[in-house]
C-alpha atoms as a PDB file:
ATOM      1  CA  MET A   1      16.063  14.946 -13.677  1.00  0.00           C
ATOM      2  CA  SER A   2      17.632  14.865 -10.074  1.00  0.00           C
ATOM      3  CA  GLU A   3      18.215  18.228  -8.327  1.00  0.00           C
ATOM      4  CA  SER A   4      21.410  19.142  -6.638  1.00  0.00           C
ATOM      5  CA  ARG A   5      20.904  20.181  -2.901  1.00  0.00           C
ATOM      6  CA  SER A   6      23.352  20.871  -0.156  1.00  0.00           C
ATOM      7  CA  LEU A   7      23.475  18.829   3.016  1.00  0.00           C
ATOM      8  CA  ALA A   8      22.389  22.143   4.948  1.00  0.00           C
ATOM      9  CA  GLU A   9      19.535  22.697   2.533  1.00  0.00           C
ATOM     10  CA  LEU A  10      18.194  19.197   3.373  1.00  0.00           C
ATOM     11  CA  ALA A  11      18.774  18.993   6.741  1.00  0.00           C
ATOM     12  CA  ALA A  12      16.427  22.458   6.953  1.00  0.00           C
ATOM     13  CA  LEU A  13      13.831  20.289   4.960  1.00  0.00           C
ATOM     14  CA  VAL A  14      13.741  17.311   7.244  1.00  0.00           C
ATOM     15  CA  GLY A  15      14.741  18.652  10.791  1.00  0.00           C
ATOM     16  CA  ALA A  16      18.377  16.949  10.766  1.00  0.00           C
ATOM     17  CA  GLU A  17      21.596  17.726  12.449  1.00  0.00           C
ATOM     18  CA  VAL A  18      24.269  17.819   9.715  1.00  0.00           C
ATOM     19  CA  HIS A  19      27.761  15.950  10.747  1.00  0.00           C
ATOM     20  CA  GLY A  20      30.585  16.975   8.496  1.00  0.00           C
ATOM     21  CA  ASP A  21      30.773  19.662   5.759  1.00  0.00           C
ATOM     22  CA  PRO A  22      27.317  21.164   5.666  1.00  0.00           C
ATOM     23  CA  GLU A  23      27.998  22.394   1.991  1.00  0.00           C
ATOM     24  CA  THR A  24      28.387  18.834   0.741  1.00  0.00           C
ATOM     25  CA  ARG A  25      26.141  18.482  -2.529  1.00  0.00           C
ATOM     26  CA  VAL A  26      24.073  15.343  -3.531  1.00  0.00           C
ATOM     27  CA  SER A  27      21.899  14.990  -6.518  1.00  0.00           C
ATOM     28  CA  ARG A  28      20.731  11.336  -6.119  1.00  0.00           C
ATOM     29  CA  VAL A  29      19.897   8.724  -3.605  1.00  0.00           C
ATOM     30  CA  ALA A  30      21.595   5.417  -3.573  1.00  0.00           C
ATOM     31  CA  THR A  31      22.439   2.235  -1.428  1.00  0.00           C
ATOM     32  CA  LEU A  32      25.478   2.265   0.447  1.00  0.00           C
ATOM     33  CA  GLN A  33      27.068  -0.278  -1.415  1.00  0.00           C
ATOM     34  CA  SER A  34      26.657   1.312  -4.966  1.00  0.00           C
ATOM     35  CA  ALA A  35      26.690   4.947  -4.102  1.00  0.00           C
ATOM     36  CA  GLY A  36      29.234   7.562  -5.613  1.00  0.00           C
ATOM     37  CA  PRO A  37      30.434  10.774  -4.521  1.00  0.00           C
ATOM     38  CA  ASP A  38      27.039  12.683  -6.030  1.00  0.00           C
ATOM     39  CA  SER A  39      24.878  10.146  -3.639  1.00  0.00           C
ATOM     40  CA  ILE A  40      23.175  10.478  -0.512  1.00  0.00           C
ATOM     41  CA  SER A  41      22.690   6.851   1.237  1.00  0.00           C
ATOM     42  CA  PHE A  42      20.927   5.610   4.419  1.00  0.00           C
ATOM     43  CA  LEU A  43      21.631   3.267   7.185  1.00  0.00           C
ATOM     44  CA  SER A  44      18.217   2.084   8.884  1.00  0.00           C
ATOM     45  CA  ASN A  45      19.301  -1.687   9.487  1.00  0.00           C
ATOM     46  CA  THR A  46      22.164  -2.956  11.347  1.00  0.00           C
ATOM     47  CA  LYS A  47      22.508  -5.844   9.019  1.00  0.00           C
ATOM     48  CA  TYR A  48      24.328  -3.151   6.230  1.00  0.00           C
ATOM     49  CA  SER A  49      26.800  -1.675   9.058  1.00  0.00           C
ATOM     50  CA  GLU A  50      29.738  -3.113   7.522  1.00  0.00           C
ATOM     51  CA  GLN A  51      28.866  -1.470   4.142  1.00  0.00           C
ATOM     52  CA  LEU A  52      28.680   1.881   5.763  1.00  0.00           C
ATOM     53  CA  LEU A  53      32.504   1.490   6.501  1.00  0.00           C
ATOM     54  CA  GLU A  54      33.352   1.146   2.939  1.00  0.00           C
ATOM     55  CA  THR A  55      30.633   3.506   1.331  1.00  0.00           C
ATOM     56  CA  LYS A  56      31.600   5.799  -1.412  1.00  0.00           C
ATOM     57  CA  ALA A  57      28.602   8.283  -0.892  1.00  0.00           C
ATOM     58  CA  ALA A  58      28.629  11.855  -0.338  1.00  0.00           C
ATOM     59  CA  ALA A  59      26.741  11.629   2.919  1.00  0.00           C
ATOM     60  CA  VAL A  60      24.645   9.125   4.818  1.00  0.00           C
ATOM     61  CA  ILE A  61      21.466   9.225   6.600  1.00  0.00           C
ATOM     62  CA  LEU A  62      21.774   7.583   9.979  1.00  0.00           C
ATOM     63  CA  GLN A  63      21.020   7.540  13.799  1.00  0.00           C
ATOM     64  CA  LEU A  64      23.381   9.332  16.304  1.00  0.00           C
ATOM     65  CA  HIS A  65      25.095   5.967  17.513  1.00  0.00           C
ATOM     66  CA  ALA A  66      26.184   5.289  14.046  1.00  0.00           C
ATOM     67  CA  VAL A  67      28.063   8.281  13.277  1.00  0.00           C
ATOM     68  CA  GLU A  68      31.294   7.294  14.758  1.00  0.00           C
ATOM     69  CA  ASN A  69      31.779   4.454  12.115  1.00  0.00           C
ATOM     70  CA  CYS A  70      30.721   6.638   9.202  1.00  0.00           C
ATOM     71  CA  PRO A  71      33.534   7.950   7.127  1.00  0.00           C
ATOM     72  CA  VAL A  72      31.855  10.765   5.286  1.00  0.00           C
ATOM     73  CA  ALA A  73      29.230  13.547   5.953  1.00  0.00           C
ATOM     74  CA  ALA A  74      25.840  12.701   7.722  1.00  0.00           C
ATOM     75  CA  LEU A  75      22.356  13.644   8.581  1.00  0.00           C
ATOM     76  CA  ILE A  76      21.751  12.767  11.934  1.00  0.00           C
ATOM     77  CA  VAL A  77      17.891  11.942  12.487  1.00  0.00           C
ATOM     78  CA  THR A  78      15.874   9.537  14.345  1.00  0.00           C
ATOM     79  CA  ASP A  79      13.969   7.613  11.358  1.00  0.00           C
ATOM     80  CA  PRO A  80      16.791   7.208   8.793  1.00  0.00           C
ATOM     81  CA  TYR A  81      14.395   5.358   6.472  1.00  0.00           C
ATOM     82  CA  LEU A  82      11.409   8.112   6.777  1.00  0.00           C
ATOM     83  CA  VAL A  83      13.992  10.737   6.111  1.00  0.00           C
ATOM     84  CA  TYR A  84      15.527   8.853   3.360  1.00  0.00           C
ATOM     85  CA  ALA A  85      11.896   8.817   1.590  1.00  0.00           C
ATOM     86  CA  LYS A  86      11.659  12.714   2.061  1.00  0.00           C
ATOM     87  CA  ILE A  87      14.818  13.309   0.532  1.00  0.00           C
ATOM     88  CA  ALA A  88      14.440  11.093  -2.589  1.00  0.00           C
ATOM     89  CA  ALA A  89      11.195  12.987  -3.478  1.00  0.00           C
ATOM     90  CA  VAL A  90      12.972  15.988  -2.900  1.00  0.00           C
ATOM     91  CA  LEU A  91      16.043  14.659  -5.327  1.00  0.00           C
ATOM     92  CA  HIS A  92      13.869  13.008  -7.609  1.00  0.00           C
ATOM     93  CA  PRO A  93      10.671  14.976  -8.229  1.00  0.00           C
ATOM     94  CA  ALA A  94       8.069  13.440 -10.665  1.00  0.00           C
ATOM     95  CA  ALA A  95       8.398  14.050 -14.285  1.00  0.00           C
ATOM     96  CA  ALA A  96       7.304  17.631 -14.828  1.00  0.00           C
ATOM     97  CA  LEU A  97       3.853  17.923 -16.677  1.00  0.00           C
ATOM     98  CA  ARG A  98       3.599  19.353 -20.178  1.00  0.00           C
ATOM     99  CA  PRO A  99       0.418  20.980 -19.841  1.00  0.00           C
ATOM    100  CA  GLY A 100      -2.367  20.608 -22.509  1.00  0.00           C
ATOM    101  CA  VAL A 101      -4.590  17.916 -24.236  1.00  0.00           C
ATOM    102  CA  HIS A 102      -2.546  15.613 -26.607  1.00  0.00           C
ATOM    103  CA  PRO A 103      -4.384  15.884 -30.252  1.00  0.00           C
ATOM    104  CA  ARG A 104      -4.956  12.279 -30.029  1.00  0.00           C
ATOM    105  CA  ALA A 105      -6.847  12.386 -26.839  1.00  0.00           C
ATOM    106  CA  SER A 106     -10.765  12.647 -26.651  1.00  0.00           C
ATOM    107  CA  VAL A 107     -12.196  15.140 -24.227  1.00  0.00           C
ATOM    108  CA  ALA A 108     -16.009  15.732 -24.051  1.00  0.00           C
ATOM    109  CA  THR A 109     -16.851  19.295 -24.629  1.00  0.00           C
ATOM    110  CA  ASP A 110     -18.308  19.838 -21.419  1.00  0.00           C
ATOM    111  CA  ALA A 111     -15.589  18.247 -19.272  1.00  0.00           C
ATOM    112  CA  THR A 112     -13.520  20.689 -17.278  1.00  0.00           C
ATOM    113  CA  VAL A 113      -9.758  20.135 -17.863  1.00  0.00           C
ATOM    114  CA  PRO A 114      -7.850  23.174 -16.826  1.00  0.00           C
ATOM    115  CA  ALA A 115      -4.874  24.481 -18.756  1.00  0.00           C
ATOM    116  CA  SER A 116      -2.494  23.799 -16.138  1.00  0.00           C
ATOM    117  CA  SER A 117      -3.122  19.749 -16.372  1.00  0.00           C
ATOM    118  CA  GLU A 118      -1.677  17.115 -19.173  1.00  0.00           C
ATOM    119  CA  VAL A 119      -3.961  14.809 -20.895  1.00  0.00           C
ATOM    120  CA  ALA A 120      -1.981  12.116 -22.864  1.00  0.00           C
ATOM    121  CA  ALA A 121      -2.416  10.454 -26.227  1.00  0.00           C
ATOM    122  CA  GLY A 122      -5.254   7.869 -26.269  1.00  0.00           C
ATOM    123  CA  ALA A 123      -7.007   8.947 -23.163  1.00  0.00           C
ATOM    124  CA  VAL A 124     -10.702   9.670 -23.090  1.00  0.00           C
ATOM    125  CA  ILE A 125     -12.653  12.033 -21.143  1.00  0.00           C
ATOM    126  CA  ASP A 126     -16.266  11.511 -20.871  1.00  0.00           C
ATOM    127  CA  SER A 127     -18.907  14.337 -20.251  1.00  0.00           C
ATOM    128  CA  GLY A 128     -19.006  16.189 -17.261  1.00  0.00           C
ATOM    129  CA  VAL A 129     -15.758  15.120 -15.933  1.00  0.00           C
ATOM    130  CA  VAL A 130     -14.126  17.628 -13.462  1.00  0.00           C
ATOM    131  CA  VAL A 131     -10.117  17.514 -13.574  1.00  0.00           C
ATOM    132  CA  GLY A 132      -8.382  19.450 -11.162  1.00  0.00           C
ATOM    133  CA  GLU A 133      -5.217  21.729 -11.725  1.00  0.00           C
ATOM    134  CA  ARG A 134      -1.747  20.263 -12.484  1.00  0.00           C
ATOM    135  CA  VAL A 135      -3.408  16.716 -12.802  1.00  0.00           C
ATOM    136  CA  TYR A 136      -1.419  14.152 -15.245  1.00  0.00           C
ATOM    137  CA  ILE A 137      -3.901  11.864 -17.225  1.00  0.00           C
ATOM    138  CA  GLY A 138      -1.539   8.930 -18.625  1.00  0.00           C
ATOM    139  CA  PRO A 139      -2.109   7.273 -22.127  1.00  0.00           C
ATOM    140  CA  ASN A 140      -4.996   5.257 -22.738  1.00  0.00           C
ATOM    141  CA  CYS A 141      -6.710   6.291 -19.550  1.00  0.00           C
ATOM    142  CA  TYR A 142     -10.480   6.427 -19.358  1.00  0.00           C
ATOM    143  CA  LEU A 143     -12.528   8.918 -17.092  1.00  0.00           C
ATOM    144  CA  GLY A 144     -16.222   8.100 -16.993  1.00  0.00           C
ATOM    145  CA  ARG A 145     -19.380  10.587 -17.149  1.00  0.00           C
ATOM    146  CA  GLY A 146     -18.922  12.850 -14.130  1.00  0.00           C
ATOM    147  CA  ALA A 147     -15.957  11.824 -12.446  1.00  0.00           C
ATOM    148  CA  VAL A 148     -13.797  14.043 -10.349  1.00  0.00           C
ATOM    149  CA  VAL A 149      -9.956  14.202 -10.284  1.00  0.00           C
ATOM    150  CA  GLY A 150      -8.413  16.237  -7.426  1.00  0.00           C
ATOM    151  CA  ASN A 151      -5.560  18.608  -7.788  1.00  0.00           C
ATOM    152  CA  ASP A 152      -1.958  17.152  -8.543  1.00  0.00           C
ATOM    153  CA  THR A 153      -3.463  13.726  -8.675  1.00  0.00           C
ATOM    154  CA  ARG A 154      -1.479  11.442 -11.234  1.00  0.00           C
ATOM    155  CA  LEU A 155      -3.355   8.637 -13.542  1.00  0.00           C
ATOM    156  CA  MET A 156      -0.431   6.503 -15.007  1.00  0.00           C
ATOM    157  CA  ALA A 157      -1.202   4.591 -18.358  1.00  0.00           C
ATOM    158  CA  ASN A 158      -4.414   2.533 -18.932  1.00  0.00           C
ATOM    159  CA  VAL A 159      -6.159   3.435 -15.685  1.00  0.00           C
ATOM    160  CA  THR A 160      -9.846   3.347 -15.660  1.00  0.00           C
ATOM    161  CA  VAL A 161     -12.030   5.697 -13.859  1.00  0.00           C
ATOM    162  CA  TYR A 162     -15.834   4.656 -13.967  1.00  0.00           C
ATOM    163  CA  HIS A 163     -18.531   7.096 -13.942  1.00  0.00           C
ATOM    164  CA  ASP A 164     -19.148   9.501 -10.716  1.00  0.00           C
ATOM    165  CA  VAL A 165     -16.073   8.252  -8.858  1.00  0.00           C
ATOM    166  CA  GLN A 166     -14.575  10.800  -6.938  1.00  0.00           C
ATOM    167  CA  ILE A 167     -10.671  10.926  -6.251  1.00  0.00           C
ATOM    168  CA  GLY A 168      -9.109  13.319  -4.140  1.00  0.00           C
ATOM    169  CA  ALA A 169      -5.841  15.411  -4.434  1.00  0.00           C
ATOM    170  CA  ARG A 170      -2.265  14.318  -4.799  1.00  0.00           C
ATOM    171  CA  CYS A 171      -3.138  10.774  -5.504  1.00  0.00           C
ATOM    172  CA  LEU A 172      -0.998   8.174  -7.457  1.00  0.00           C
ATOM    173  CA  ILE A 173      -2.976   5.788  -9.511  1.00  0.00           C
ATOM    174  CA  HIS A 174      -0.550   3.149 -11.064  1.00  0.00           C
ATOM    175  CA  SER A 175      -1.107   1.384 -14.487  1.00  0.00           C
ATOM    176  CA  ALA A 176      -4.233  -1.045 -15.190  1.00  0.00           C
ATOM    177  CA  THR A 177      -5.939  -0.016 -11.996  1.00  0.00           C
ATOM    178  CA  VAL A 178      -9.795   0.129 -12.282  1.00  0.00           C
ATOM    179  CA  ILE A 179     -12.031   2.133  -9.837  1.00  0.00           C
ATOM    180  CA  GLY A 180     -15.628   2.107  -9.847  1.00  0.00           C
ATOM    181  CA  SER A 181     -16.151  -1.075 -11.693  1.00  0.00           C
ATOM    182  CA  ASP A 182     -19.619  -3.046 -10.572  1.00  0.00           C
ATOM    183  CA  GLY A 183     -19.549  -4.820  -7.226  1.00  0.00           C
ATOM    184  CA  PHE A 184     -20.279  -8.518  -7.190  1.00  0.00           C
ATOM    185  CA  GLY A 185     -24.121  -8.241  -6.951  1.00  0.00           C
ATOM    186  CA  ASN A 186     -26.255 -11.270  -7.938  1.00  0.00           C
ATOM    187  CA  ALA A 187     -29.600 -12.629  -6.460  1.00  0.00           C
ATOM    188  CA  ARG A 188     -30.296 -16.007  -7.008  1.00  0.00           C
ATOM    189  CA  ASN A 189     -33.437 -17.260  -8.662  1.00  0.00           C
ATOM    190  CA  ARG A 190     -35.105 -20.222  -7.859  1.00  0.00           C
ATOM    191  CA  ASP A 191     -33.900 -22.381 -11.223  1.00  0.00           C
ATOM    192  CA  GLY A 192     -30.108 -21.406  -9.837  1.00  0.00           C
ATOM    193  CA  SER A 193     -29.934 -18.667 -12.190  1.00  0.00           C
ATOM    194  CA  TRP A 194     -28.499 -15.044 -11.309  1.00  0.00           C
ATOM    195  CA  THR A 195     -30.460 -11.697 -11.542  1.00  0.00           C
ATOM    196  CA  LYS A 196     -27.708  -8.862 -11.466  1.00  0.00           C
ATOM    197  CA  VAL A 197     -28.197  -6.278  -8.897  1.00  0.00           C
ATOM    198  CA  PRO A 198     -27.568  -2.515  -9.973  1.00  0.00           C
ATOM    199  CA  GLN A 199     -24.456  -1.146  -8.436  1.00  0.00           C
ATOM    200  CA  ILE A 200     -25.815   2.278  -8.138  1.00  0.00           C
ATOM    201  CA  GLY A 201     -23.220   3.745  -5.539  1.00  0.00           C
ATOM    202  CA  SER A 202     -19.947   5.064  -6.180  1.00  0.00           C
ATOM    203  CA  VAL A 203     -16.297   5.337  -4.984  1.00  0.00           C
ATOM    204  CA  VAL A 204     -14.799   7.890  -2.891  1.00  0.00           C
ATOM    205  CA  VAL A 205     -11.036   8.205  -2.916  1.00  0.00           C
ATOM    206  CA  GLY A 206      -9.471  10.573  -0.289  1.00  0.00           C
ATOM    207  CA  ASP A 207      -6.559  12.783  -0.525  1.00  0.00           C
ATOM    208  CA  ASP A 208      -2.703  11.459  -0.787  1.00  0.00           C
ATOM    209  CA  VAL A 209      -3.897   7.986  -1.839  1.00  0.00           C
ATOM    210  CA  GLU A 210      -1.739   5.542  -3.693  1.00  0.00           C
ATOM    211  CA  PHE A 211      -2.861   2.442  -5.566  1.00  0.00           C
ATOM    212  CA  GLY A 212      -0.322   0.011  -6.902  1.00  0.00           C
ATOM    213  CA  ALA A 213      -0.926  -1.556 -10.727  1.00  0.00           C
ATOM    214  CA  GLY A 214      -3.704  -3.678 -11.306  1.00  0.00           C
ATOM    215  CA  CYS A 215      -5.884  -2.977  -8.500  1.00  0.00           C
ATOM    216  CA  THR A 216      -9.586  -3.214  -8.445  1.00  0.00           C
ATOM    217  CA  ILE A 217     -11.764  -0.993  -6.533  1.00  0.00           C
ATOM    218  CA  ASP A 218     -15.575  -1.937  -6.883  1.00  0.00           C
ATOM    219  CA  ARG A 219     -18.228   0.801  -6.682  1.00  0.00           C
ATOM    220  CA  GLY A 220     -20.904   0.455  -3.984  1.00  0.00           C
ATOM    221  CA  ALA A 221     -24.369  -1.512  -4.275  1.00  0.00           C
ATOM    222  CA  ILE A 222     -26.105   1.443  -2.803  1.00  0.00           C
ATOM    223  CA  GLU A 223     -23.698   3.426  -0.762  1.00  0.00           C
ATOM    224  CA  ASP A 224     -20.285   4.262  -1.698  1.00  0.00           C
ATOM    225  CA  THR A 225     -17.346   2.379  -1.461  1.00  0.00           C
ATOM    226  CA  ILE A 226     -14.742   4.588   0.688  1.00  0.00           C
ATOM    227  CA  ILE A 227     -10.896   4.850   0.864  1.00  0.00           C
ATOM    228  CA  GLY A 228      -9.541   7.198   3.375  1.00  0.00           C
ATOM    229  CA  ASP A 229      -6.847   9.745   3.230  1.00  0.00           C
ATOM    230  CA  GLY A 230      -3.248   8.572   2.793  1.00  0.00           C
ATOM    231  CA  VAL A 231      -4.149   4.878   2.244  1.00  0.00           C
ATOM    232  CA  ARG A 232      -1.705   2.970   0.324  1.00  0.00           C
ATOM    233  CA  PHE A 233      -2.188  -0.275  -1.778  1.00  0.00           C
ATOM    234  CA  ASP A 234       0.377  -2.419  -3.339  1.00  0.00           C
ATOM    235  CA  ASN A 235      -0.287  -4.167  -6.574  1.00  0.00           C
ATOM    236  CA  GLN A 236      -3.210  -6.363  -7.337  1.00  0.00           C
ATOM    237  CA  VAL A 237      -5.309  -5.562  -4.421  1.00  0.00           C
ATOM    238  CA  HIS A 238      -9.066  -6.035  -4.458  1.00  0.00           C
ATOM    239  CA  VAL A 239     -11.762  -4.022  -2.988  1.00  0.00           C
ATOM    240  CA  ALA A 240     -15.423  -5.199  -2.875  1.00  0.00           C
ATOM    241  CA  HIS A 241     -18.571  -2.955  -3.052  1.00  0.00           C
ATOM    242  CA  ASN A 242     -19.215  -0.889   0.245  1.00  0.00           C
ATOM    243  CA  VAL A 243     -15.730  -1.670   1.661  1.00  0.00           C
ATOM    244  CA  LYS A 244     -14.836   1.427   3.680  1.00  0.00           C
ATOM    245  CA  ILE A 245     -10.998   1.520   4.672  1.00  0.00           C
ATOM    246  CA  GLY A 246      -9.729   4.165   7.243  1.00  0.00           C
ATOM    247  CA  ARG A 247      -6.909   6.759   6.883  1.00  0.00           C
ATOM    248  CA  TYR A 248      -3.431   5.707   6.626  1.00  0.00           C
ATOM    249  CA  THR A 249      -3.897   1.826   6.189  1.00  0.00           C
ATOM    250  CA  ALA A 250      -1.329  -0.056   4.122  1.00  0.00           C
ATOM    251  CA  ILE A 251      -2.420  -3.062   2.228  1.00  0.00           C
ATOM    252  CA  ALA A 252       0.232  -5.382   0.367  1.00  0.00           C
ATOM    253  CA  GLY A 253      -0.295  -7.195  -2.828  1.00  0.00           C
ATOM    254  CA  GLN A 254      -2.953  -9.981  -3.519  1.00  0.00           C
ATOM    255  CA  VAL A 255      -5.038  -8.923  -0.564  1.00  0.00           C
ATOM    256  CA  GLY A 256      -9.018  -9.415  -0.851  1.00  0.00           C
ATOM    257  CA  ILE A 257     -11.532  -7.452   1.125  1.00  0.00           C
ATOM    258  CA  SER A 258     -14.991  -8.831   0.646  1.00  0.00           C
ATOM    259  CA  GLY A 259     -18.325  -6.483   0.381  1.00  0.00           C
ATOM    260  CA  SER A 260     -19.352  -4.351   3.294  1.00  0.00           C
ATOM    261  CA  THR A 261     -16.207  -4.614   5.557  1.00  0.00           C
ATOM    262  CA  ILE A 262     -14.774  -1.969   7.618  1.00  0.00           C
ATOM    263  CA  VAL A 263     -11.243  -1.469   8.073  1.00  0.00           C
ATOM    264  CA  GLY A 264     -10.054   1.034  10.605  1.00  0.00           C
ATOM    265  CA  GLU A 265      -7.302   3.509  10.429  1.00  0.00           C
ATOM    266  CA  ARG A 266      -3.444   2.648  10.729  1.00  0.00           C
ATOM    267  CA  CYS A 267      -4.210  -0.784   9.934  1.00  0.00           C
ATOM    268  CA  GLN A 268      -1.618  -3.239   7.804  1.00  0.00           C
ATOM    269  CA  MET A 269      -2.077  -6.207   5.889  1.00  0.00           C
ATOM    270  CA  GLY A 270       0.448  -8.481   4.490  1.00  0.00           C
ATOM    271  CA  GLY A 271       0.305 -10.705   1.182  1.00  0.00           C
ATOM    272  CA  GLN A 272      -2.646 -12.667   0.448  1.00  0.00           C
ATOM    273  CA  VAL A 273      -4.895 -11.336   3.539  1.00  0.00           C
ATOM    274  CA  ALA A 274      -8.157 -12.456   2.987  1.00  0.00           C
ATOM    275  CA  LEU A 275     -11.031 -10.589   4.719  1.00  0.00           C
ATOM    276  CA  SER A 276     -14.645 -11.985   4.699  1.00  0.00           C
ATOM    277  CA  GLY A 277     -17.375  -9.528   4.203  1.00  0.00           C
ATOM    278  CA  HIS A 278     -19.553  -7.546   6.961  1.00  0.00           C
ATOM    279  CA  ILE A 279     -16.881  -7.508   9.623  1.00  0.00           C
ATOM    280  CA  THR A 280     -15.016  -4.513  11.150  1.00  0.00           C
ATOM    281  CA  ILE A 281     -11.733  -4.488  11.890  1.00  0.00           C
ATOM    282  CA  CYS A 282     -10.882  -1.620  14.521  1.00  0.00           C
ATOM    283  CA  ASP A 283      -7.942   0.757  14.110  1.00  0.00           C
ATOM    284  CA  ASP A 284      -4.474  -0.175  14.433  1.00  0.00           C
ATOM    285  CA  VAL A 285      -4.386  -3.855  13.511  1.00  0.00           C
ATOM    286  CA  GLY A 286      -1.808  -5.861  11.479  1.00  0.00           C
ATOM    287  CA  LEU A 287      -2.679  -8.782   9.810  1.00  0.00           C
ATOM    288  CA  MET A 288       0.616 -10.846   8.729  1.00  0.00           C
ATOM    289  CA  GLY A 289       0.536 -12.435   5.236  1.00  0.00           C
ATOM    290  CA  ARG A 290      -2.166 -14.838   4.060  1.00  0.00           C
ATOM    291  CA  ALA A 291      -4.294 -14.478   7.389  1.00  0.00           C
ATOM    292  CA  THR A 292      -7.788 -15.125   7.018  1.00  0.00           C
ATOM    293  CA  VAL A 293     -10.312 -13.132   9.222  1.00  0.00           C
ATOM    294  CA  THR A 294     -13.608 -14.246   9.252  1.00  0.00           C
ATOM    295  CA  ASN A 295     -14.705 -12.444  12.530  1.00  0.00           C
ATOM    296  CA  ASN A 296     -14.784  -8.767  13.902  1.00  0.00           C
ATOM    297  CA  VAL A 297     -11.342  -7.761  15.188  1.00  0.00           C
ATOM    298  CA  LYS A 298     -11.792  -5.518  18.241  1.00  0.00           C
ATOM    299  CA  ARG A 299      -8.365  -5.045  19.608  1.00  0.00           C
ATOM    300  CA  PRO A 300      -5.504  -3.336  18.201  1.00  0.00           C
ATOM    301  CA  GLY A 301      -2.484  -5.766  18.016  1.00  0.00           C
ATOM    302  CA  VAL A 302      -0.601  -7.751  15.390  1.00  0.00           C
ATOM    303  CA  TYR A 303      -2.617 -11.189  14.372  1.00  0.00           C
ATOM    304  CA  SER A 304      -1.685 -14.164  12.239  1.00  0.00           C
ATOM    305  CA  SER A 305      -3.495 -17.404  10.904  1.00  0.00           C
ATOM    306  CA  GLY A 306      -2.062 -18.767   7.820  1.00  0.00           C
ATOM    307  CA  ILE A 307      -4.752 -21.900   7.269  1.00  0.00           C
ATOM    308  CA  LEU A 308      -5.705 -21.792  10.923  1.00  0.00           C
ATOM    309  CA  PRO A 309      -8.140 -19.280  12.741  1.00  0.00           C
ATOM    310  CA  LEU A 310      -7.097 -16.012  13.269  1.00  0.00           C
ATOM    311  CA  GLU A 311      -5.262 -15.487  16.822  1.00  0.00           C
ATOM    312  CA  THR A 312      -2.811 -13.288  18.155  1.00  0.00           C
ATOM    313  CA  SER A 313       0.631 -13.557  16.511  1.00  0.00           C
ATOM    314  CA  ALA A 314       2.406 -14.614  20.081  1.00  0.00           C
ATOM    315  CA  GLN A 315      -0.143 -17.485  20.417  1.00  0.00           C
ATOM    316  CA  HIS A 316       0.113 -18.290  16.853  1.00  0.00           C
ATOM    317  CA  ASN A 317       4.319 -18.465  17.273  1.00  0.00           C
ATOM    318  CA  LYS A 318       3.790 -20.746  20.433  1.00  0.00           C
ATOM    319  CA  ASN A 319       1.598 -23.150  18.249  1.00  0.00           C
ATOM    320  CA  ALA A 320       3.836 -23.354  15.411  1.00  0.00           C
ATOM    321  CA  VAL A 321       6.788 -24.552  17.675  1.00  0.00           C
ATOM    322  CA  ARG A 322       4.035 -27.145  19.185  1.00  0.00           C
ATOM    323  CA  PHE A 323       2.940 -28.459  15.688  1.00  0.00           C
ATOM    324  CA  SER A 324       6.816 -29.268  14.581  1.00  0.00           C
ATOM    325  CA  GLN A 325       6.845 -31.318  17.957  1.00  0.00           C
ATOM    326  CA  LEU A 326       3.486 -33.191  17.620  1.00  0.00           C
ATOM    327  CA  ASP A 327       4.982 -36.410  16.082  1.00  0.00           C
ATOM    328  CA  LYS A 328       7.786 -36.790  19.018  1.00  0.00           C
ATOM    329  CA  MET A 329       5.011 -36.121  21.254  1.00  0.00           C
ATOM    330  CA  ALA A 330       2.675 -38.844  19.870  1.00  0.00           C
ATOM    331  CA  ARG A 331       5.331 -41.196  19.992  1.00  0.00           C
ATOM    332  CA  THR A 332       6.274 -40.596  23.657  1.00  0.00           C
ATOM    333  CA  LEU A 333       2.662 -40.815  24.490  1.00  0.00           C
ATOM    334  CA  ARG A 334       2.409 -44.304  23.247  1.00  0.00           C
ATOM    335  CA  LYS A 335       5.274 -45.467  24.909  1.00  0.00           C
ATOM    336  CA  LEU A 336       3.987 -43.964  28.247  1.00  0.00           C
ATOM    337  CA  GLU A 337       0.474 -45.718  27.501  1.00  0.00           C
ATOM    338  CA  LYS A 338       1.906 -49.340  26.792  1.00  0.00           C
ATOM    339  CA  LYS A 339       3.872 -48.814  29.870  1.00  0.00           C
ATOM    340  CA  ILE A 340       0.837 -48.006  32.018  1.00  0.00           C
ATOM    341  CA  PHE A 341      -2.091 -50.091  30.172  1.00  0.00           C
ATOM    342  CA  GLY A 342      -0.231 -52.502  28.663  1.00  0.00           C
ATOM    343  CA  ALA A 343       1.212 -53.494  24.873  1.00  0.00           C
ATOM    344  CA  HIS A 344      -2.638 -53.829  23.758  1.00  0.00           C
ATOM    345  CA  ARG A 345      -4.007 -50.527  24.360  1.00  0.00           C
ATOM    346  CA  SER A 346      -2.951 -47.323  22.772  1.00  0.00           C
ATOM    347  CA  VAL A 347      -4.411 -43.794  22.105  1.00  0.00           C
ATOM    348  CA  ASP A 348      -5.205 -44.677  18.520  1.00  0.00           C
ATOM    349  CA  SER A 349      -7.808 -47.312  19.793  1.00  0.00           C
ATOM    350  CA  GLU A 350      -9.550 -45.073  22.107  1.00  0.00           C
END
């Protein structure tokens, strides 16, 4: 349920300056186009400047230069999108817990589940599991033997946490995500058959981490797979065994990270990025969608590749222009060659 707040209250929470009536109250967030008199909206992209002129919102979050075109009250900030995110969390808090264990849940007698946490119907909590305060365990979740879940973490429906996995505080794990399944470890025999390599490590997830729906994070072969504080995964991200991901890195959907790769802090990966195993990505690297990374990245920056070897985005963009000109350039070259060497000799004959 939404909570009504005055602009003065919100400004104090996010460090904004109020333009207009500070007692204006809002109870929800909305787009500029769909907002009503109980809503607060935001403008962070000039593409939507015309919608600002006609908005019916009670207030808008925006930068100082846009105030003169705002017909309603405003919160003036440096980063409207970031402030919108913070205000949305205030006006639309997560559903309140209903502390207790549902009668159709199964909790081992030696598991620790404090009275402040909620365990929904169909959840299974195995022996030795330790659940923190104010934790939500959704319907049909499974927590394996010896798993640990930190305070204020939420596991939505059908999340699977394997044995000995550690999840930090204030995490949000969306449905169908699996944490701690076996890594892809197999040794080949002389006859071509496979012998499974036991995966005896675990997974350690830091604080304030969010995993989207359908992610898979494999346990380590010997040492642990480690996900740093504040990491964000979109849906359907796969992390192989022994991977280490630094703090505040954000990874979009369908990214695959092969085993024993190390990803630095504050990195960003677009959709379908593929990382080979046993490589290192330094801090502050951006990988554009479908980039294929087969070697270490040692310098911060933004990189692209698609089907081509990884290169800086600046160089990739220059090459992309040249690719569209190749046919014209080839025809021109043939004409020049005929002119210089004669009609019977061409580049194709070399």
